[in-house]
PDB file of N, CA and C in Angstrom:
ATOM      1  N   UNK A   1     -19.937-181.614 -25.770  1.00  0.00           N
ATOM      2  CA  UNK A   1     -19.798-180.256 -25.268  1.00  0.00           C
ATOM      3  C   UNK A   1     -21.175-179.603 -25.269  1.00  0.00           C
ATOM      4  N   UNK A   2     -21.607-179.189 -24.099  1.00  0.00           N
ATOM      5  CA  UNK A   2     -22.937-178.622 -23.984  1.00  0.00           C
ATOM      6  C   UNK A   2     -22.936-177.112 -24.130  1.00  0.00           C
ATOM      7  N   UNK A   3     -24.121-176.583 -24.196  1.00  0.00           N
ATOM      8  CA  UNK A   3     -24.283-175.131 -24.253  1.00  0.00           C
ATOM      9  C   UNK A   3     -23.934-174.530 -22.900  1.00  0.00           C
ATOM     10  N   UNK A   4     -23.563-173.256 -22.879  1.00  0.00           N
ATOM     11  CA  UNK A   4     -23.110-172.630 -21.635  1.00  0.00           C
ATOM     12  C   UNK A   4     -24.255-172.275 -20.687  1.00  0.00           C
ATOM     13  N   UNK A   5     -25.029-173.286 -20.309  1.00  0.00           N
ATOM     14  CA  UNK A   5     -26.099-173.057 -19.343  1.00  0.00           C
ATOM     15  C   UNK A   5     -25.904-174.022 -18.187  1.00  0.00           C
ATOM     16  N   UNK A   6     -26.229-173.599 -17.019  1.00  0.00           N
ATOM     17  CA  UNK A   6     -26.131-174.457 -15.861  1.00  0.00           C
ATOM     18  C   UNK A   6     -27.314-175.407 -15.834  1.00  0.00           C
ATOM     19  N   UNK A   7     -27.166-176.491 -15.079  1.00  0.00           N
ATOM     20  CA  UNK A   7     -28.243-177.465 -14.977  1.00  0.00           C
ATOM     21  C   UNK A   7     -29.518-176.792 -14.489  1.00  0.00           C
ATOM     22  N   UNK A   8     -30.610-177.076 -15.149  1.00  0.00           N
ATOM     23  CA  UNK A   8     -31.888-176.511 -14.751  1.00  0.00           C
ATOM     24  C   UNK A   8     -32.201-175.180 -15.393  1.00  0.00           C
ATOM     25  N   UNK A   9     -31.242-174.584 -16.096  1.00  0.00           N
ATOM     26  CA  UNK A   9     -31.501-173.311 -16.763  1.00  0.00           C
ATOM     27  C   UNK A   9     -32.079-173.546 -18.145  1.00  0.00           C
ATOM     28  N   UNK A  10     -32.715-172.538 -18.656  1.00  0.00           N
ATOM     29  CA  UNK A  10     -33.249-172.580 -20.019  1.00  0.00           C
ATOM     30  C   UNK A  10     -32.203-171.991 -20.957  1.00  0.00           C
ATOM     31  N   UNK A  11     -31.937-172.685 -22.043  1.00  0.00           N
ATOM     32  CA  UNK A  11     -31.008-172.194 -23.049  1.00  0.00           C
ATOM     33  C   UNK A  11     -31.813-171.367 -24.047  1.00  0.00           C
ATOM     34  N   UNK A  12     -31.373-170.139 -24.295  1.00  0.00           N
ATOM     35  CA  UNK A  12     -32.087-169.293 -25.256  1.00  0.00           C
ATOM     36  C   UNK A  12     -31.254-169.133 -26.528  1.00  0.00           C
ATOM     37  N   UNK A  13     -31.779-168.364 -27.465  1.00  0.00           N
ATOM     38  CA  UNK A  13     -31.116-168.184 -28.750  1.00  0.00           C
ATOM     39  C   UNK A  13     -29.731-167.544 -28.589  1.00  0.00           C
ATOM     40  N   UNK A  14     -29.602-166.586 -27.669  1.00  0.00           N
ATOM     41  CA  UNK A  14     -28.298-165.946 -27.455  1.00  0.00           C
ATOM     42  C   UNK A  14     -27.256-166.952 -26.976  1.00  0.00           C
ATOM     43  N   UNK A  15     -27.674-167.904 -26.120  1.00  0.00           N
ATOM     44  CA  UNK A  15     -26.762-168.953 -25.660  1.00  0.00           C
ATOM     45  C   UNK A  15     -26.337-169.826 -26.833  1.00  0.00           C
ATOM     46  N   UNK A  16     -27.288-170.158 -27.703  1.00  0.00           N
ATOM     47  CA  UNK A  16     -26.989-170.973 -28.869  1.00  0.00           C
ATOM     48  C   UNK A  16     -26.034-170.241 -29.813  1.00  0.00           C
ATOM     49  N   UNK A  17     -26.279-168.959 -30.050  1.00  0.00           N
ATOM     50  CA  UNK A  17     -25.402-168.155 -30.910  1.00  0.00           C
ATOM     51  C   UNK A  17     -23.989-168.104 -30.331  1.00  0.00           C
ATOM     52  N   UNK A  18     -23.874-167.886 -29.025  1.00  0.00           N
ATOM     53  CA  UNK A  18     -22.552-167.829 -28.380  1.00  0.00           C
ATOM     54  C   UNK A  18     -21.827-169.162 -28.533  1.00  0.00           C
ATOM     55  N   UNK A  19     -22.559-170.267 -28.384  1.00  0.00           N
ATOM     56  CA  UNK A  19     -21.958-171.599 -28.532  1.00  0.00           C
ATOM     57  C   UNK A  19     -21.469-171.822 -29.962  1.00  0.00           C
ATOM     58  N   UNK A  20     -22.293-171.458 -30.949  1.00  0.00           N
ATOM     59  CA  UNK A  20     -21.905-171.616 -32.356  1.00  0.00           C
ATOM     60  C   UNK A  20     -20.684-170.749 -32.654  1.00  0.00           C
ATOM     61  N   UNK A  21     -20.682-169.519 -32.161  1.00  0.00           N
ATOM     62  CA  UNK A  21     -19.548-168.615 -32.400  1.00  0.00           C
ATOM     63  C   UNK A  21     -18.261-169.203 -31.832  1.00  0.00           C
ATOM     64  N   UNK A  22     -18.318-169.690 -30.592  1.00  0.00           N
ATOM     65  CA  UNK A  22     -17.124-170.249 -29.949  1.00  0.00           C
ATOM     66  C   UNK A  22     -16.665-171.533 -30.626  1.00  0.00           C
ATOM     67  N   UNK A  23     -17.604-172.413 -30.923  1.00  0.00           N
ATOM     68  CA  UNK A  23     -17.268-173.717 -31.491  1.00  0.00           C
ATOM     69  C   UNK A  23     -16.747-173.612 -32.916  1.00  0.00           C
ATOM     70  N   UNK A  24     -17.364-172.751 -33.723  1.00  0.00           N
ATOM     71  CA  UNK A  24     -17.001-172.642 -35.139  1.00  0.00           C
ATOM     72  C   UNK A  24     -15.971-171.551 -35.405  1.00  0.00           C
ATOM     73  N   UNK A  25     -15.574-170.808 -34.374  1.00  0.00           N
ATOM     74  CA  UNK A  25     -14.607-169.738 -34.566  1.00  0.00           C
ATOM     75  C   UNK A  25     -15.166-168.583 -35.375  1.00  0.00           C
ATOM     76  N   UNK A  26     -16.445-168.287 -35.176  1.00  0.00           N
ATOM     77  CA  UNK A  26     -17.104-167.203 -35.890  1.00  0.00           C
ATOM     78  C   UNK A  26     -17.329-166.024 -34.952  1.00  0.00           C
ATOM     79  N   UNK A  27     -17.555-164.863 -35.539  1.00  0.00           N
ATOM     80  CA  UNK A  27     -17.974-163.727 -34.720  1.00  0.00           C
ATOM     81  C   UNK A  27     -19.431-163.966 -34.324  1.00  0.00           C
ATOM     82  N   UNK A  28     -19.894-163.252 -33.317  1.00  0.00           N
ATOM     83  CA  UNK A  28     -21.294-163.427 -32.905  1.00  0.00           C
ATOM     84  C   UNK A  28     -22.243-162.985 -34.014  1.00  0.00           C
ATOM     85  N   UNK A  29     -21.856-161.993 -34.800  1.00  0.00           N
ATOM     86  CA  UNK A  29     -22.700-161.543 -35.916  1.00  0.00           C
ATOM     87  C   UNK A  29     -22.814-162.657 -36.961  1.00  0.00           C
ATOM     88  N   UNK A  30     -21.688-163.283 -37.297  1.00  0.00           N
ATOM     89  CA  UNK A  30     -21.706-164.386 -38.264  1.00  0.00           C
ATOM     90  C   UNK A  30     -22.497-165.570 -37.720  1.00  0.00           C
ATOM     91  N   UNK A  31     -22.310-165.882 -36.444  1.00  0.00           N
ATOM     92  CA  UNK A  31     -23.026-167.001 -35.830  1.00  0.00           C
ATOM     93  C   UNK A  31     -24.523-166.723 -35.790  1.00  0.00           C
ATOM     94  N   UNK A  32     -24.911-165.483 -35.528  1.00  0.00           N
ATOM     95  CA  UNK A  32     -26.325-165.114 -35.526  1.00  0.00           C
ATOM     96  C   UNK A  32     -26.924-165.333 -36.909  1.00  0.00           C
ATOM     97  N   UNK A  33     -26.197-164.921 -37.951  1.00  0.00           N
ATOM     98  CA  UNK A  33     -26.672-165.125 -39.324  1.00  0.00           C
ATOM     99  C   UNK A  33     -26.824-166.618 -39.620  1.00  0.00           C
ATOM    100  N   UNK A  34     -25.871-167.429 -39.160  1.00  0.00           N
ATOM    101  CA  UNK A  34     -25.918-168.870 -39.408  1.00  0.00           C
ATOM    102  C   UNK A  34     -27.107-169.512 -38.690  1.00  0.00           C
ATOM    103  N   UNK A  35     -27.294-169.174 -37.422  1.00  0.00           N
ATOM    104  CA  UNK A  35     -28.411-169.738 -36.649  1.00  0.00           C
ATOM    105  C   UNK A  35     -29.739-169.293 -37.255  1.00  0.00           C
ATOM    106  N   UNK A  36     -29.854-168.015 -37.597  1.00  0.00           N
ATOM    107  CA  UNK A  36     -31.085-167.509 -38.220  1.00  0.00           C
ATOM    108  C   UNK A  36     -31.358-168.214 -39.552  1.00  0.00           C
ATOM    109  N   UNK A  37     -30.304-168.469 -40.328  1.00  0.00           N
ATOM    110  CA  UNK A  37     -30.474-169.144 -41.614  1.00  0.00           C
ATOM    111  C   UNK A  37     -30.999-170.560 -41.423  1.00  0.00           C
ATOM    112  N   UNK A  38     -30.505-171.264 -40.413  1.00  0.00           N
ATOM    113  CA  UNK A  38     -30.990-172.617 -40.132  1.00  0.00           C
ATOM    114  C   UNK A  38     -32.458-172.570 -39.727  1.00  0.00           C
ATOM    115  N   UNK A  39     -32.805-171.677 -38.793  1.00  0.00           N
ATOM    116  CA  UNK A  39     -34.200-171.559 -38.357  1.00  0.00           C
ATOM    117  C   UNK A  39     -35.105-171.166 -39.516  1.00  0.00           C
ATOM    118  N   UNK A  40     -34.680-170.201 -40.331  1.00  0.00           N
ATOM    119  CA  UNK A  40     -35.487-169.759 -41.470  1.00  0.00           C
ATOM    120  C   UNK A  40     -35.695-170.895 -42.479  1.00  0.00           C
ATOM    121  N   UNK A  41     -34.657-171.686 -42.689  1.00  0.00           N
ATOM    122  CA  UNK A  41     -34.766-172.825 -43.603  1.00  0.00           C
ATOM    123  C   UNK A  41     -35.758-173.859 -43.105  1.00  0.00           C
ATOM    124  N   UNK A  42     -35.715-174.160 -41.818  1.00  0.00           N
ATOM    125  CA  UNK A  42     -36.646-175.129 -41.241  1.00  0.00           C
ATOM    126  C   UNK A  42     -38.071-174.586 -41.322  1.00  0.00           C
ATOM    127  N   UNK A  43     -38.262-173.336 -40.915  1.00  0.00           N
ATOM    128  CA  UNK A  43     -39.603-172.732 -40.941  1.00  0.00           C
ATOM    129  C   UNK A  43     -40.147-172.665 -42.364  1.00  0.00           C
ATOM    130  N   UNK A  44     -39.308-172.262 -43.314  1.00  0.00           N
ATOM    131  CA  UNK A  44     -39.740-172.173 -44.704  1.00  0.00           C
ATOM    132  C   UNK A  44     -40.184-173.518 -45.254  1.00  0.00           C
ATOM    133  N   UNK A  45     -39.441-174.564 -44.943  1.00  0.00           N
ATOM    134  CA  UNK A  45     -39.809-175.906 -45.401  1.00  0.00           C
ATOM    135  C   UNK A  45     -41.116-176.370 -44.768  1.00  0.00           C
ATOM    136  N   UNK A  46     -41.281-176.110 -43.473  1.00  0.00           N
ATOM    137  CA  UNK A  46     -42.509-176.516 -42.787  1.00  0.00           C
ATOM    138  C   UNK A  46     -43.717-175.770 -43.333  1.00  0.00           C
ATOM    139  N   UNK A  47     -43.545-174.475 -43.664  1.00  0.00           N
ATOM    140  CA  UNK A  47     -44.651-173.702 -44.234  1.00  0.00           C
ATOM    141  C   UNK A  47     -45.118-174.293 -45.554  1.00  0.00           C
ATOM    142  N   UNK A  48     -44.185-174.862 -46.330  1.00  0.00           N
ATOM    143  CA  UNK A  48     -44.540-175.481 -47.613  1.00  0.00           C
ATOM    144  C   UNK A  48     -45.122-176.884 -47.422  1.00  0.00           C
ATOM    145  N   UNK A  49     -45.094-177.383 -46.192  1.00  0.00           N
ATOM    146  CA  UNK A  49     -45.616-178.715 -45.918  1.00  0.00           C
ATOM    147  C   UNK A  49     -44.562-179.804 -46.017  1.00  0.00           C
ATOM    148  N   UNK A  50     -43.297-179.426 -46.179  1.00  0.00           N
ATOM    149  CA  UNK A  50     -42.213-180.404 -46.276  1.00  0.00           C
ATOM    150  C   UNK A  50     -41.733-180.823 -44.890  1.00  0.00           C
ATOM    151  N   UNK A  51     -41.152-182.014 -44.811  1.00  0.00           N
ATOM    152  CA  UNK A  51     -40.465-182.463 -43.601  1.00  0.00           C
ATOM    153  C   UNK A  51     -39.013-182.019 -43.677  1.00  0.00           C
ATOM    154  N   UNK A  52     -38.404-181.793 -42.527  1.00  0.00           N
ATOM    155  CA  UNK A  52     -36.975-181.508 -42.459  1.00  0.00           C
ATOM    156  C   UNK A  52     -36.349-182.625 -41.642  1.00  0.00           C
ATOM    157  N   UNK A  53     -35.526-183.450 -42.296  1.00  0.00           N
ATOM    158  CA  UNK A  53     -34.885-184.583 -41.630  1.00  0.00           C
ATOM    159  C   UNK A  53     -33.408-184.284 -41.440  1.00  0.00           C
ATOM    160  N   UNK A  54     -33.001-184.232 -40.198  1.00  0.00           N
ATOM    161  CA  UNK A  54     -31.596-184.054 -39.854  1.00  0.00           C
ATOM    162  C   UNK A  54     -31.137-185.385 -39.277  1.00  0.00           C
ATOM    163  N   UNK A  55     -30.481-186.185 -40.104  1.00  0.00           N
ATOM    164  CA  UNK A  55     -30.121-187.550 -39.742  1.00  0.00           C
ATOM    165  C   UNK A  55     -29.364-187.561 -38.421  1.00  0.00           C
ATOM    166  N   UNK A  56     -29.836-188.393 -37.515  1.00  0.00           N
ATOM    167  CA  UNK A  56     -29.231-188.520 -36.199  1.00  0.00           C
ATOM    168  C   UNK A  56     -29.807-187.554 -35.182  1.00  0.00           C
ATOM    169  N   UNK A  57     -30.291-186.412 -35.633  1.00  0.00           N
ATOM    170  CA  UNK A  57     -30.841-185.413 -34.715  1.00  0.00           C
ATOM    171  C   UNK A  57     -32.348-185.565 -34.585  1.00  0.00           C
ATOM    172  N   UNK A  58     -33.056-185.519 -35.719  1.00  0.00           N
ATOM    173  CA  UNK A  58     -34.502-185.682 -35.662  1.00  0.00           C
ATOM    174  C   UNK A  58     -35.189-185.140 -36.894  1.00  0.00           C
ATOM    175  N   UNK A  59     -36.523-185.229 -36.863  1.00  0.00           N
ATOM    176  CA  UNK A  59     -37.343-184.812 -37.989  1.00  0.00           C
ATOM    177  C   UNK A  59     -38.368-183.783 -37.535  1.00  0.00           C
ATOM    178  N   UNK A  60     -38.414-182.670 -38.249  1.00  0.00           N
ATOM    179  CA  UNK A  60     -39.437-181.653 -38.040  1.00  0.00           C
ATOM    180  C   UNK A  60     -40.515-181.879 -39.086  1.00  0.00           C
ATOM    181  N   UNK A  61     -41.771-181.819 -38.679  1.00  0.00           N
ATOM    182  CA  UNK A  61     -42.883-181.998 -39.617  1.00  0.00           C
ATOM    183  C   UNK A  61     -44.050-181.132 -39.163  1.00  0.00           C
ATOM    184  N   UNK A  62     -45.051-181.043 -40.017  1.00  0.00           N
ATOM    185  CA  UNK A  62     -46.262-180.300 -39.693  1.00  0.00           C
ATOM    186  C   UNK A  62     -47.403-181.298 -39.578  1.00  0.00           C
ATOM    187  N   UNK A  63     -48.207-181.145 -38.554  1.00  0.00           N
ATOM    188  CA  UNK A  63     -49.380-181.989 -38.378  1.00  0.00           C
ATOM    189  C   UNK A  63     -50.616-181.093 -38.388  1.00  0.00           C
ATOM    190  N   UNK A  64     -51.672-181.588 -38.962  1.00  0.00           N
ATOM    191  CA  UNK A  64     -52.926-180.837 -39.032  1.00  0.00           C
ATOM    192  C   UNK A  64     -53.835-181.274 -37.887  1.00  0.00           C
ATOM    193  N   UNK A  65     -54.358-180.296 -37.178  1.00  0.00           N
ATOM    194  CA  UNK A  65     -55.301-180.585 -36.101  1.00  0.00           C
ATOM    195  C   UNK A  65     -56.682-180.143 -36.563  1.00  0.00           C
ATOM    196  N   UNK A  66     -57.631-181.046 -36.502  1.00  0.00           N
ATOM    197  CA  UNK A  66     -58.995-180.768 -36.955  1.00  0.00           C
ATOM    198  C   UNK A  66     -59.687-179.788 -36.007  1.00  0.00           C
ATOM    199  N   UNK A  67     -60.674-179.106 -36.540  1.00  0.00           N
ATOM    200  CA  UNK A  67     -61.489-178.227 -35.713  1.00  0.00           C
ATOM    201  C   UNK A  67     -62.220-179.089 -34.686  1.00  0.00           C
ATOM    202  N   UNK A  68     -62.460-178.515 -33.522  1.00  0.00           N
ATOM    203  CA  UNK A  68     -63.149-179.270 -32.482  1.00  0.00           C
ATOM    204  C   UNK A  68     -63.978-178.326 -31.626  1.00  0.00           C
ATOM    205  N   UNK A  69     -64.721-178.913 -30.749  1.00  0.00           N
ATOM    206  CA  UNK A  69     -65.550-178.156 -29.825  1.00  0.00           C
ATOM    207  C   UNK A  69     -64.946-178.314 -28.434  1.00  0.00           C
ATOM    208  N   UNK A  70     -64.780-177.196 -27.731  1.00  0.00           N
ATOM    209  CA  UNK A  70     -64.250-177.236 -26.374  1.00  0.00           C
ATOM    210  C   UNK A  70     -65.198-176.525 -25.438  1.00  0.00           C
ATOM    211  N   UNK A  71     -64.750-176.335 -24.211  1.00  0.00           N
ATOM    212  CA  UNK A  71     -65.574-175.632 -23.226  1.00  0.00           C
ATOM    213  C   UNK A  71     -64.739-174.556 -22.560  1.00  0.00           C
ATOM    214  N   UNK A  72     -65.363-173.398 -22.347  1.00  0.00           N
ATOM    215  CA  UNK A  72     -64.725-172.330 -21.599  1.00  0.00           C
ATOM    216  C   UNK A  72     -64.641-172.801 -20.147  1.00  0.00           C
ATOM    217  N   UNK A  73     -63.427-172.890 -19.567  1.00  0.00           N
ATOM    218  CA  UNK A  73     -63.307-173.420 -18.208  1.00  0.00           C
ATOM    219  C   UNK A  73     -63.988-172.553 -17.145  1.00  0.00           C
ATOM    220  N   UNK A  74     -64.147-171.276 -17.407  1.00  0.00           N
ATOM    221  CA  UNK A  74     -64.786-170.396 -16.422  1.00  0.00           C
ATOM    222  C   UNK A  74     -66.301-170.516 -16.431  1.00  0.00           C
ATOM    223  N   UNK A  75     -66.867-170.549 -17.656  1.00  0.00           N
ATOM    224  CA  UNK A  75     -68.328-170.514 -17.755  1.00  0.00           C
ATOM    225  C   UNK A  75     -68.934-171.862 -18.114  1.00  0.00           C
ATOM    226  N   UNK A  76     -68.134-172.763 -18.642  1.00  0.00           N
ATOM    227  CA  UNK A  76     -68.649-174.050 -19.075  1.00  0.00           C
ATOM    228  C   UNK A  76     -69.338-173.990 -20.422  1.00  0.00           C
ATOM    229  N   UNK A  77     -69.371-172.808 -21.039  1.00  0.00           N
ATOM    230  CA  UNK A  77     -70.020-172.659 -22.342  1.00  0.00           C
ATOM    231  C   UNK A  77     -69.198-173.315 -23.439  1.00  0.00           C
ATOM    232  N   UNK A  78     -69.866-173.918 -24.402  1.00  0.00           N
ATOM    233  CA  UNK A  78     -69.117-174.517 -25.517  1.00  0.00           C
ATOM    234  C   UNK A  78     -68.464-173.433 -26.389  1.00  0.00           C
ATOM    235  N   UNK A  79     -67.269-173.731 -26.858  1.00  0.00           N
ATOM    236  CA  UNK A  79     -66.569-172.824 -27.767  1.00  0.00           C
ATOM    237  C   UNK A  79     -66.048-173.637 -28.948  1.00  0.00           C
ATOM    238  N   UNK A  80     -65.912-172.973 -30.061  1.00  0.00           N
ATOM    239  CA  UNK A  80     -65.410-173.612 -31.268  1.00  0.00           C
ATOM    240  C   UNK A  80     -63.901-173.389 -31.350  1.00  0.00           C
ATOM    241  N   UNK A  81     -63.155-174.475 -31.488  1.00  0.00           N
ATOM    242  CA  UNK A  81     -61.698-174.396 -31.640  1.00  0.00           C
ATOM    243  C   UNK A  81     -61.392-174.646 -33.120  1.00  0.00           C
ATOM    244  N   UNK A  82     -60.826-173.644 -33.810  1.00  0.00           N
ATOM    245  CA  UNK A  82     -60.602-173.797 -35.251  1.00  0.00           C
ATOM    246  C   UNK A  82     -59.493-174.809 -35.569  1.00  0.00           C
ATOM    247  N   UNK A  83     -59.523-175.331 -36.778  1.00  0.00           N
ATOM    248  CA  UNK A  83     -58.459-176.217 -37.250  1.00  0.00           C
ATOM    249  C   UNK A  83     -57.148-175.436 -37.290  1.00  0.00           C
ATOM    250  N   UNK A  84     -56.042-176.140 -37.097  1.00  0.00           N
ATOM    251  CA  UNK A  84     -54.743-175.462 -37.119  1.00  0.00           C
ATOM    252  C   UNK A  84     -53.659-176.427 -37.565  1.00  0.00           C
ATOM    253  N   UNK A  85     -52.525-175.849 -37.925  1.00  0.00           N
ATOM    254  CA  UNK A  85     -51.339-176.624 -38.295  1.00  0.00           C
ATOM    255  C   UNK A  85     -50.319-176.432 -37.183  1.00  0.00           C
ATOM    256  N   UNK A  86     -49.729-177.525 -36.724  1.00  0.00           N
ATOM    257  CA  UNK A  86     -48.779-177.460 -35.620  1.00  0.00           C
ATOM    258  C   UNK A  86     -47.451-178.093 -36.006  1.00  0.00           C
ATOM    259  N   UNK A  87     -46.339-177.514 -35.536  1.00  0.00           N
ATOM    260  CA  UNK A  87     -45.051-178.160 -35.769  1.00  0.00           C
ATOM    261  C   UNK A  87     -44.907-179.368 -34.851  1.00  0.00           C
ATOM    262  N   UNK A  88     -44.207-180.368 -35.346  1.00  0.00           N
ATOM    263  CA  UNK A  88     -43.978-181.584 -34.581  1.00  0.00           C
ATOM    264  C   UNK A  88     -42.500-181.942 -34.731  1.00  0.00           C
ATOM    265  N   UNK A  89     -41.891-182.455 -33.659  1.00  0.00           N
ATOM    266  CA  UNK A  89     -40.494-182.876 -33.720  1.00  0.00           C
ATOM    267  C   UNK A  89     -40.391-184.302 -33.207  1.00  0.00           C
ATOM    268  N   UNK A  90     -39.731-185.149 -33.982  1.00  0.00           N
ATOM    269  CA  UNK A  90     -39.486-186.527 -33.568  1.00  0.00           C
ATOM    270  C   UNK A  90     -37.974-186.703 -33.473  1.00  0.00           C
ATOM    271  N   UNK A  91     -37.456-186.948 -32.263  1.00  0.00           N
ATOM    272  CA  UNK A  91     -36.005-187.076 -32.111  1.00  0.00           C
ATOM    273  C   UNK A  91     -35.462-188.307 -32.841  1.00  0.00           C
ATOM    274  N   UNK A  92     -34.244-188.156 -33.363  1.00  0.00           N
ATOM    275  CA  UNK A  92     -33.576-189.255 -34.039  1.00  0.00           C
ATOM    276  C   UNK A  92     -32.875-190.168 -33.060  1.00  0.00           C
ATOM    277  N   UNK A  93     -32.442-191.315 -33.547  1.00  0.00           N
ATOM    278  CA  UNK A  93     -31.820-192.335 -32.709  1.00  0.00           C
ATOM    279  C   UNK A  93     -30.562-191.817 -32.009  1.00  0.00           C
ATOM    280  N   UNK A  94     -29.707-191.126 -32.730  1.00  0.00           N
ATOM    281  CA  UNK A  94     -28.474-190.628 -32.127  1.00  0.00           C
ATOM    282  C   UNK A  94     -28.763-189.658 -30.985  1.00  0.00           C
ATOM    283  N   UNK A  95     -29.736-188.778 -31.179  1.00  0.00           N
ATOM    284  CA  UNK A  95     -30.109-187.833 -30.119  1.00  0.00           C
ATOM    285  C   UNK A  95     -30.670-188.584 -28.923  1.00  0.00           C
ATOM    286  N   UNK A  96     -31.568-189.526 -29.154  1.00  0.00           N
ATOM    287  CA  UNK A  96     -32.152-190.290 -28.043  1.00  0.00           C
ATOM    288  C   UNK A  96     -31.067-191.064 -27.302  1.00  0.00           C
ATOM    289  N   UNK A  97     -30.184-191.726 -28.050  1.00  0.00           N
ATOM    290  CA  UNK A  97     -29.124-192.514 -27.423  1.00  0.00           C
ATOM    291  C   UNK A  97     -28.153-191.657 -26.619  1.00  0.00           C
ATOM    292  N   UNK A  98     -27.927-190.421 -27.064  1.00  0.00           N
ATOM    293  CA  UNK A  98     -26.966-189.572 -26.360  1.00  0.00           C
ATOM    294  C   UNK A  98     -27.493-189.108 -25.008  1.00  0.00           C
ATOM    295  N   UNK A  99     -28.793-189.207 -24.784  1.00  0.00           N
ATOM    296  CA  UNK A  99     -29.376-188.782 -23.520  1.00  0.00           C
ATOM    297  C   UNK A  99     -29.459-189.895 -22.494  1.00  0.00           C
ATOM    298  N   UNK A 100     -29.168-191.112 -22.888  1.00  0.00           N
ATOM    299  CA  UNK A 100     -29.241-192.256 -21.966  1.00  0.00           C
ATOM    300  C   UNK A 100     -27.907-192.892 -21.726  1.00  0.00           C
TER     301      UNK A 100
END
């Protein structure tokens, strides 16, 4: 059962909340709290440097990107790109298999 979006549309948080509410028999307020709690839990774990593994769905992790030197595309001048931490998602086997 997919989210209530037509092919080619972007699914947003409100669509996800509506789907959770309908599927779990919750009010939209309760579903919003549940979705927010899941997102907050994932973000909180990633901020601490932990991985979040949802068996069958995938793994969220943080990767460190080193500082580098780039170029301003307009002027060609070199610019310094600072080091940063980026979220990474690796889909699980069940998720990959369900798409093929």
